[in-house]
C-alpha atoms as a PDB file:
ATOM      1  CA  GLN A   1      -3.877  -0.042 -20.088  1.00  0.00           C
ATOM      2  CA  VAL A   2      -3.612  -0.717 -16.813  1.00  0.00           C
ATOM      3  CA  GLN A   3      -2.198   1.886 -14.103  1.00  0.00           C
ATOM      4  CA  LEU A   4      -1.611   1.961 -10.616  1.00  0.00           C
ATOM      5  CA  VAL A   5      -0.649   4.994  -9.424  1.00  0.00           C
ATOM      6  CA  GLU A   6       0.667   5.857  -5.784  1.00  0.00           C
ATOM      7  CA  SER A   7       1.091   8.921  -3.889  1.00  0.00           C
ATOM      8  CA  GLY A   8       1.268  10.058  -0.685  1.00  0.00           C
ATOM      9  CA  GLY A   9       4.868   9.295   0.283  1.00  0.00           C
ATOM     10  CA  GLY A  10       7.540  11.486   1.386  1.00  0.00           C
ATOM     11  CA  LEU A  11       9.667  12.162   4.860  1.00  0.00           C
ATOM     12  CA  VAL A  12       8.302  11.688   8.444  1.00  0.00           C
ATOM     13  CA  GLN A  13       9.565  12.097  11.675  1.00  0.00           C
ATOM     14  CA  PRO A  14       9.452   8.753  13.912  1.00  0.00           C
ATOM     15  CA  GLY A  15       5.942   8.431  15.613  1.00  0.00           C
ATOM     16  CA  GLY A  16       4.273  10.312  12.441  1.00  0.00           C
ATOM     17  CA  SER A  17       1.674   9.697  10.061  1.00  0.00           C
ATOM     18  CA  LEU A  18       1.110   9.463   6.386  1.00  0.00           C
ATOM     19  CA  ARG A  19      -1.714   8.084   4.008  1.00  0.00           C
ATOM     20  CA  LEU A  20      -0.482   6.831   1.084  1.00  0.00           C
ATOM     21  CA  SER A  21      -3.309   6.397  -1.793  1.00  0.00           C
ATOM     22  CA  CYS A  22      -3.268   4.132  -5.069  1.00  0.00           C
ATOM     23  CA  ALA A  23      -5.481   5.417  -7.620  1.00  0.00           C
ATOM     24  CA  ALA A  24      -6.380   2.572 -10.561  1.00  0.00           C
ATOM     25  CA  SER A  25      -7.673   2.688 -14.011  1.00  0.00           C
ATOM     26  CA  GLY A  26      -7.788   0.133 -16.680  1.00  0.00           C
ATOM     27  CA  ILE A  27      -9.278  -2.560 -14.484  1.00  0.00           C
ATOM     28  CA  ILE A  28     -12.528  -3.593 -13.059  1.00  0.00           C
ATOM     29  CA  PHE A  29     -11.293  -2.290  -9.659  1.00  0.00           C
ATOM     30  CA  SER A  30     -14.309  -3.701  -7.263  1.00  0.00           C
ATOM     31  CA  ILE A  31     -13.397  -7.175  -8.083  1.00  0.00           C
ATOM     32  CA  TYR A  32      -9.600  -7.210  -7.343  1.00  0.00           C
ATOM     33  CA  THR A  33      -7.919  -7.774  -4.470  1.00  0.00           C
ATOM     34  CA  MET A  34      -5.598  -4.843  -3.434  1.00  0.00           C
ATOM     35  CA  GLY A  35      -2.527  -5.054  -1.442  1.00  0.00           C
ATOM     36  CA  TRP A  36       0.645  -2.958  -0.398  1.00  0.00           C
ATOM     37  CA  TYR A  37       3.785  -3.982  -0.474  1.00  0.00           C
ATOM     38  CA  ARG A  38       7.547  -2.599   0.647  1.00  0.00           C
ATOM     39  CA  GLN A  39      10.892  -3.049  -0.228  1.00  0.00           C
ATOM     40  CA  ALA A  40      13.703  -1.338   1.816  1.00  0.00           C
ATOM     41  CA  PRO A  41      17.081  -1.345   0.490  1.00  0.00           C
ATOM     42  CA  GLY A  42      19.101  -4.754   0.289  1.00  0.00           C
ATOM     43  CA  LYS A  43      15.804  -6.846   1.425  1.00  0.00           C
ATOM     44  CA  GLN A  44      13.176  -8.692  -0.313  1.00  0.00           C
ATOM     45  CA  ARG A  45       9.837  -7.088  -1.270  1.00  0.00           C
ATOM     46  CA  GLU A  46       7.229  -8.114   1.511  1.00  0.00           C
ATOM     47  CA  LEU A  47       3.782  -8.069   1.969  1.00  0.00           C
ATOM     48  CA  VAL A  48       2.023  -5.004   4.234  1.00  0.00           C
ATOM     49  CA  ALA A  49      -1.213  -5.714   4.058  1.00  0.00           C
ATOM     50  CA  VAL A  50      -4.135  -6.835   1.559  1.00  0.00           C
ATOM     51  CA  ILE A  51      -7.896  -5.932   1.129  1.00  0.00           C
ATOM     52  CA  THR A  52     -10.191  -8.403  -0.698  1.00  0.00           C
ATOM     53  CA  SER A  53     -13.207  -7.291  -3.214  1.00  0.00           C
ATOM     54  CA  SER A  54     -15.685  -8.059   0.009  1.00  0.00           C
ATOM     55  CA  GLY A  55     -13.507  -5.973   2.272  1.00  0.00           C
ATOM     56  CA  GLY A  56     -11.802  -8.652   4.219  1.00  0.00           C
ATOM     57  CA  THR A  57      -8.287  -7.383   5.630  1.00  0.00           C
ATOM     58  CA  ASN A  58      -5.050  -8.730   6.647  1.00  0.00           C
ATOM     59  CA  ALA A  59      -1.620  -7.190   7.674  1.00  0.00           C
ATOM     60  CA  ALA A  60       1.739  -8.148   8.359  1.00  0.00           C
ATOM     61  CA  ASN A  61       2.590  -8.835  11.996  1.00  0.00           C
ATOM     62  CA  SER A  62       5.280  -5.793  12.105  1.00  0.00           C
ATOM     63  CA  VAL A  63       2.475  -3.181  10.974  1.00  0.00           C
ATOM     64  CA  LYS A  64      -0.846  -4.313  12.832  1.00  0.00           C
ATOM     65  CA  GLY A  65      -2.157  -1.993  14.838  1.00  0.00           C
ATOM     66  CA  ARG A  66      -0.079   0.739  13.309  1.00  0.00           C
ATOM     67  CA  PHE A  67      -1.276   0.655   9.554  1.00  0.00           C
ATOM     68  CA  THR A  68      -4.873   0.302   7.981  1.00  0.00           C
ATOM     69  CA  ILE A  69      -5.681  -0.650   4.574  1.00  0.00           C
ATOM     70  CA  SER A  70      -9.088   0.467   3.019  1.00  0.00           C
ATOM     71  CA  ARG A  71     -10.358   0.893  -0.240  1.00  0.00           C
ATOM     72  CA  ASP A  72     -12.976   3.260  -2.051  1.00  0.00           C
ATOM     73  CA  ASN A  73     -14.258   1.410  -4.854  1.00  0.00           C
ATOM     74  CA  ALA A  74     -16.186   4.697  -6.225  1.00  0.00           C
ATOM     75  CA  LYS A  75     -13.036   6.305  -6.788  1.00  0.00           C
ATOM     76  CA  ASN A  76     -11.356   3.223  -7.975  1.00  0.00           C
ATOM     77  CA  THR A  77      -8.794   4.106  -4.974  1.00  0.00           C
ATOM     78  CA  VAL A  78      -6.809   1.826  -2.084  1.00  0.00           C
ATOM     79  CA  TYR A  79      -5.307   3.686   1.156  1.00  0.00           C
ATOM     80  CA  LEU A  80      -2.817   2.910   3.454  1.00  0.00           C
ATOM     81  CA  GLN A  81      -3.252   5.090   6.464  1.00  0.00           C
ATOM     82  CA  MET A  82       0.291   4.289   8.551  1.00  0.00           C
ATOM     83  CA  ASN A  83       0.599   5.628  12.152  1.00  0.00           C
ATOM     84  CA  SER A  84       3.262   5.426  14.718  1.00  0.00           C
ATOM     85  CA  LEU A  85       5.695   5.392  12.039  1.00  0.00           C
ATOM     86  CA  LYS A  86       9.102   3.347  12.678  1.00  0.00           C
ATOM     87  CA  PRO A  87      12.641   4.274  11.222  1.00  0.00           C
ATOM     88  CA  GLU A  88      12.291   0.421  10.218  1.00  0.00           C
ATOM     89  CA  ASP A  89       9.129   1.466   8.091  1.00  0.00           C
ATOM     90  CA  THR A  90      11.665   3.082   5.546  1.00  0.00           C
ATOM     91  CA  ALA A  91      10.767   1.810   1.843  1.00  0.00           C
ATOM     92  CA  VAL A  92       9.284   1.935  -1.192  1.00  0.00           C
ATOM     93  CA  TYR A  93       5.690   1.102  -1.045  1.00  0.00           C
ATOM     94  CA  TYR A  94       4.128  -0.512  -4.169  1.00  0.00           C
ATOM     95  CA  CYS A  95       0.609  -0.987  -4.844  1.00  0.00           C
ATOM     96  CA  ASN A  96      -0.724  -4.436  -5.963  1.00  0.00           C
ATOM     97  CA  ALA A  97      -3.702  -5.690  -7.687  1.00  0.00           C
ATOM     98  CA  GLN A  98      -4.757  -8.998  -8.220  1.00  0.00           C
ATOM     99  CA  TYR A  99      -7.308 -11.338  -9.740  1.00  0.00           C
ATOM    100  CA  PRO A 100      -7.155 -14.753 -11.023  1.00  0.00           C
ATOM    101  CA  LYS A 101      -4.421 -14.934 -13.845  1.00  0.00           C
ATOM    102  CA  SER A 102      -3.772 -10.746 -13.311  1.00  0.00           C
ATOM    103  CA  VAL A 103      -1.276  -9.346 -11.395  1.00  0.00           C
ATOM    104  CA  TYR A 104      -0.264  -5.457 -11.613  1.00  0.00           C
ATOM    105  CA  TRP A 105       1.955  -3.350  -9.717  1.00  0.00           C
ATOM    106  CA  GLY A 106       2.554   0.517  -9.043  1.00  0.00           C
ATOM    107  CA  GLN A 107       5.992   2.336  -9.916  1.00  0.00           C
ATOM    108  CA  GLY A 108       6.381   2.820  -5.905  1.00  0.00           C
ATOM    109  CA  THR A 109       6.188   5.708  -3.590  1.00  0.00           C
ATOM    110  CA  GLN A 110       9.219   6.161  -1.417  1.00  0.00           C
ATOM    111  CA  VAL A 111       8.621   6.570   2.404  1.00  0.00           C
ATOM    112  CA  THR A 112      11.546   7.320   4.788  1.00  0.00           C
ATOM    113  CA  VAL A 113      10.996   7.721   8.493  1.00  0.00           C
ATOM    114  CA  SER A 114      14.208   9.714  10.081  1.00  0.00           C
ATOM    115  CA  SER A 115      14.693  12.499  12.626  1.00  0.00           C
END
């Protein structure tokens, strides 16, 4: 059974930082492209950042320079370091695992940026 379990969300003030974690089980983690997506109320789910099995990364323009995605294959975990958070970053953040013909999602973790 595949499980992606996110943690690290919460309430933070503008300009603050959070680190999200996603622990995976039931998959050969090292071969999967891992990603973070987010969905704000009333909006579509959007890509935040991805990291390939070889460590290549890409991020949405809105978070470049502020968010960093990384992975630890020994711990089957992907991280999203979020700095200089803005109110518009408020959303539910979802972990995603992709391999040809296989896509899995976590349950999501809420991130709220507010003073």
